[in-house]
Amino acid sequence: MSTERIVIDQEILAGKPVIKGTRISVEFILELLANGWSYEEILRNYPQLEKEDILAAIRYSVEILRDEKIYALK
């Protein structure tokens, strides 16, 4: 799992995955991207981030979804 840049700590945002050294959550980055923000806009508005942090957030989400189990309910 992409844990070099992503950390989970119960003391930070109630344990949500965040970019290491920040309080910026993976969820927040994905919301920005989903709302049409470019990498450049994110980096300009959140200068503590690097492009690799955005990519790590996307990779982390892909890994979570890849491991998700779906069960049919009948």
N, C-alpha and C. Protein backbone atom coordinates (compact mmCIF):
# COMPACT_ATOMS: atom_id res chain seq x y z
N MET A 1 0.84 -1.18 0.00
CA MET A 1 0.00 0.00 0.00
C MET A 1 0.89 1.25 0.00
N SER A 2 0.42 2.33 -0.58
CA SER A 2 1.19 3.58 -0.69
C SER A 2 1.28 4.28 0.65
N THR A 3 2.19 3.86 1.50
CA THR A 3 2.27 4.45 2.83
C THR A 3 3.47 5.36 3.02
N GLU A 4 4.30 5.51 2.00
CA GLU A 4 5.46 6.39 2.13
C GLU A 4 5.01 7.84 2.33
N ARG A 5 3.96 8.25 1.65
CA ARG A 5 3.47 9.63 1.74
C ARG A 5 2.13 9.73 2.46
N ILE A 6 1.46 8.62 2.67
CA ILE A 6 0.15 8.60 3.32
C ILE A 6 0.30 8.00 4.71
N VAL A 7 -0.26 8.67 5.71
CA VAL A 7 -0.22 8.13 7.07
C VAL A 7 -1.63 8.12 7.67
N ILE A 8 -1.81 7.21 8.60
CA ILE A 8 -3.06 7.13 9.35
C ILE A 8 -2.68 7.19 10.82
N ASP A 9 -3.19 8.20 11.49
CA ASP A 9 -2.88 8.43 12.90
C ASP A 9 -4.16 8.88 13.58
N GLN A 10 -4.56 8.16 14.61
CA GLN A 10 -5.81 8.49 15.31
C GLN A 10 -5.82 9.91 15.86
N GLU A 11 -4.65 10.50 16.05
CA GLU A 11 -4.55 11.85 16.59
C GLU A 11 -4.71 12.93 15.51
N ILE A 12 -4.73 12.52 14.25
CA ILE A 12 -4.85 13.47 13.14
C ILE A 12 -6.12 13.16 12.36
N LEU A 13 -7.04 14.11 12.33
CA LEU A 13 -8.31 13.97 11.61
C LEU A 13 -9.03 12.67 11.92
N ALA A 14 -9.01 12.28 13.18
CA ALA A 14 -9.72 11.08 13.65
C ALA A 14 -9.31 9.82 12.90
N GLY A 15 -8.06 9.78 12.44
CA GLY A 15 -7.56 8.57 11.80
C GLY A 15 -7.78 8.48 10.30
N LYS A 16 -8.27 9.55 9.68
CA LYS A 16 -8.40 9.53 8.22
C LYS A 16 -7.01 9.53 7.60
N PRO A 17 -6.85 8.89 6.44
CA PRO A 17 -5.55 8.92 5.78
C PRO A 17 -5.23 10.35 5.32
N VAL A 18 -4.03 10.81 5.65
CA VAL A 18 -3.58 12.16 5.31
C VAL A 18 -2.21 12.10 4.66
N ILE A 19 -1.85 13.20 4.01
CA ILE A 19 -0.50 13.33 3.47
C ILE A 19 0.44 13.53 4.65
N LYS A 20 1.49 12.75 4.70
CA LYS A 20 2.46 12.79 5.79
C LYS A 20 2.95 14.22 6.04
N GLY A 21 2.93 14.64 7.31
CA GLY A 21 3.40 15.96 7.69
C GLY A 21 2.38 17.06 7.53
N THR A 22 1.14 16.68 7.13
CA THR A 22 0.07 17.67 6.95
C THR A 22 -1.20 17.18 7.63
N ARG A 23 -2.21 18.02 7.57
CA ARG A 23 -3.55 17.63 7.98
C ARG A 23 -4.47 17.60 6.76
N ILE A 24 -3.87 17.40 5.59
CA ILE A 24 -4.63 17.35 4.33
C ILE A 24 -4.95 15.89 4.03
N SER A 25 -6.24 15.58 3.99
CA SER A 25 -6.65 14.19 3.82
C SER A 25 -6.66 13.77 2.36
N VAL A 26 -6.52 12.47 2.17
CA VAL A 26 -6.66 11.87 0.85
C VAL A 26 -8.04 12.22 0.29
N GLU A 27 -9.04 12.13 1.12
CA GLU A 27 -10.41 12.44 0.71
C GLU A 27 -10.51 13.87 0.16
N PHE A 28 -9.89 14.82 0.84
CA PHE A 28 -9.93 16.22 0.42
C PHE A 28 -9.29 16.41 -0.95
N ILE A 29 -8.14 15.77 -1.15
CA ILE A 29 -7.46 15.87 -2.44
C ILE A 29 -8.33 15.30 -3.55
N LEU A 30 -8.95 14.16 -3.29
CA LEU A 30 -9.82 13.55 -4.30
C LEU A 30 -11.03 14.44 -4.58
N GLU A 31 -11.57 15.08 -3.56
CA GLU A 31 -12.69 16.01 -3.76
C GLU A 31 -12.28 17.17 -4.66
N LEU A 32 -11.08 17.72 -4.42
CA LEU A 32 -10.60 18.81 -5.26
C LEU A 32 -10.50 18.35 -6.72
N LEU A 33 -9.90 17.19 -6.94
CA LEU A 33 -9.78 16.66 -8.30
C LEU A 33 -11.15 16.41 -8.92
N ALA A 34 -12.07 15.85 -8.15
CA ALA A 34 -13.42 15.57 -8.65
C ALA A 34 -14.17 16.85 -9.00
N ASN A 35 -13.81 17.94 -8.36
CA ASN A 35 -14.44 19.23 -8.63
C ASN A 35 -13.71 20.01 -9.73
N GLY A 36 -12.80 19.34 -10.42
CA GLY A 36 -12.17 19.94 -11.58
C GLY A 36 -10.88 20.69 -11.33
N TRP A 37 -10.36 20.66 -10.10
CA TRP A 37 -9.09 21.33 -9.83
C TRP A 37 -7.97 20.59 -10.55
N SER A 38 -7.05 21.33 -11.13
CA SER A 38 -5.87 20.73 -11.75
C SER A 38 -4.80 20.52 -10.68
N TYR A 39 -3.81 19.72 -11.02
CA TYR A 39 -2.67 19.54 -10.10
C TYR A 39 -2.07 20.90 -9.76
N GLU A 40 -1.92 21.74 -10.78
CA GLU A 40 -1.30 23.05 -10.59
C GLU A 40 -2.09 23.91 -9.61
N GLU A 41 -3.43 23.89 -9.73
CA GLU A 41 -4.26 24.66 -8.80
C GLU A 41 -4.11 24.17 -7.37
N ILE A 42 -4.09 22.86 -7.21
CA ILE A 42 -3.94 22.29 -5.87
C ILE A 42 -2.59 22.71 -5.29
N LEU A 43 -1.53 22.56 -6.07
CA LEU A 43 -0.19 22.89 -5.58
C LEU A 43 -0.04 24.38 -5.29
N ARG A 44 -0.70 25.21 -6.07
CA ARG A 44 -0.63 26.65 -5.84
C ARG A 44 -1.36 27.04 -4.54
N ASN A 45 -2.50 26.39 -4.29
CA ASN A 45 -3.29 26.71 -3.10
C ASN A 45 -2.82 25.99 -1.84
N TYR A 46 -2.12 24.90 -2.00
CA TYR A 46 -1.60 24.12 -0.87
C TYR A 46 -0.12 23.86 -1.11
N PRO A 47 0.71 24.89 -0.93
CA PRO A 47 2.13 24.79 -1.29
C PRO A 47 2.92 23.76 -0.47
N GLN A 48 2.35 23.27 0.62
CA GLN A 48 3.04 22.23 1.39
C GLN A 48 2.96 20.87 0.69
N LEU A 49 2.13 20.78 -0.36
CA LEU A 49 2.01 19.53 -1.12
C LEU A 49 2.96 19.53 -2.30
N GLU A 50 3.27 18.32 -2.74
CA GLU A 50 4.04 18.11 -3.97
C GLU A 50 3.18 17.26 -4.90
N LYS A 51 3.51 17.30 -6.18
CA LYS A 51 2.74 16.50 -7.14
C LYS A 51 2.72 15.03 -6.73
N GLU A 52 3.81 14.54 -6.18
CA GLU A 52 3.89 13.14 -5.75
C GLU A 52 2.87 12.83 -4.64
N ASP A 53 2.52 13.84 -3.83
CA ASP A 53 1.50 13.64 -2.79
C ASP A 53 0.13 13.42 -3.42
N ILE A 54 -0.17 14.19 -4.46
CA ILE A 54 -1.45 14.02 -5.15
C ILE A 54 -1.52 12.64 -5.79
N LEU A 55 -0.44 12.25 -6.44
CA LEU A 55 -0.40 10.92 -7.06
C LEU A 55 -0.51 9.82 -6.01
N ALA A 56 0.11 10.01 -4.86
CA ALA A 56 0.03 9.02 -3.78
C ALA A 56 -1.41 8.89 -3.28
N ALA A 57 -2.13 10.01 -3.20
CA ALA A 57 -3.53 9.98 -2.77
C ALA A 57 -4.38 9.18 -3.76
N ILE A 58 -4.12 9.36 -5.03
CA ILE A 58 -4.86 8.61 -6.05
C ILE A 58 -4.51 7.13 -5.97
N ARG A 59 -3.22 6.82 -5.87
CA ARG A 59 -2.79 5.42 -5.76
C ARG A 59 -3.39 4.75 -4.53
N TYR A 60 -3.39 5.47 -3.41
CA TYR A 60 -3.95 4.92 -2.17
C TYR A 60 -5.42 4.55 -2.39
N SER A 61 -6.16 5.43 -3.02
CA SER A 61 -7.58 5.19 -3.27
C SER A 61 -7.80 3.99 -4.19
N VAL A 62 -6.97 3.89 -5.21
CA VAL A 62 -7.06 2.75 -6.13
C VAL A 62 -6.81 1.45 -5.37
N GLU A 63 -5.81 1.45 -4.51
CA GLU A 63 -5.50 0.23 -3.75
C GLU A 63 -6.64 -0.15 -2.82
N ILE A 64 -7.26 0.84 -2.18
CA ILE A 64 -8.40 0.56 -1.31
C ILE A 64 -9.56 -0.04 -2.11
N LEU A 65 -9.86 0.56 -3.26
CA LEU A 65 -10.95 0.06 -4.09
C LEU A 65 -10.64 -1.30 -4.68
N ARG A 66 -9.40 -1.54 -5.02
CA ARG A 66 -9.00 -2.83 -5.58
C ARG A 66 -9.25 -3.95 -4.56
N ASP A 67 -9.00 -3.66 -3.30
CA ASP A 67 -9.16 -4.66 -2.25
C ASP A 67 -10.58 -4.76 -1.72
N GLU A 68 -11.47 -3.87 -2.16
CA GLU A 68 -12.84 -3.86 -1.67
C GLU A 68 -13.56 -5.12 -2.12
N LYS A 69 -14.29 -5.71 -1.21
CA LYS A 69 -15.07 -6.92 -1.50
C LYS A 69 -16.54 -6.50 -1.66
N ILE A 70 -17.17 -7.03 -2.70
CA ILE A 70 -18.57 -6.74 -2.95
C ILE A 70 -19.35 -8.03 -2.86
N TYR A 71 -20.40 -7.99 -2.09
CA TYR A 71 -21.24 -9.18 -1.89
C TYR A 71 -22.64 -8.87 -2.38
N ALA A 72 -23.16 -9.77 -3.21
CA ALA A 72 -24.53 -9.61 -3.72
C ALA A 72 -25.52 -9.95 -2.63
N LEU A 73 -26.50 -9.10 -2.46
CA LEU A 73 -27.57 -9.36 -1.49
C LEU A 73 -28.80 -9.79 -2.27
N LYS A 74 -29.39 -10.90 -1.86
CA LYS A 74 -30.58 -11.39 -2.57
C LYS A 74 -31.76 -11.42 -1.66
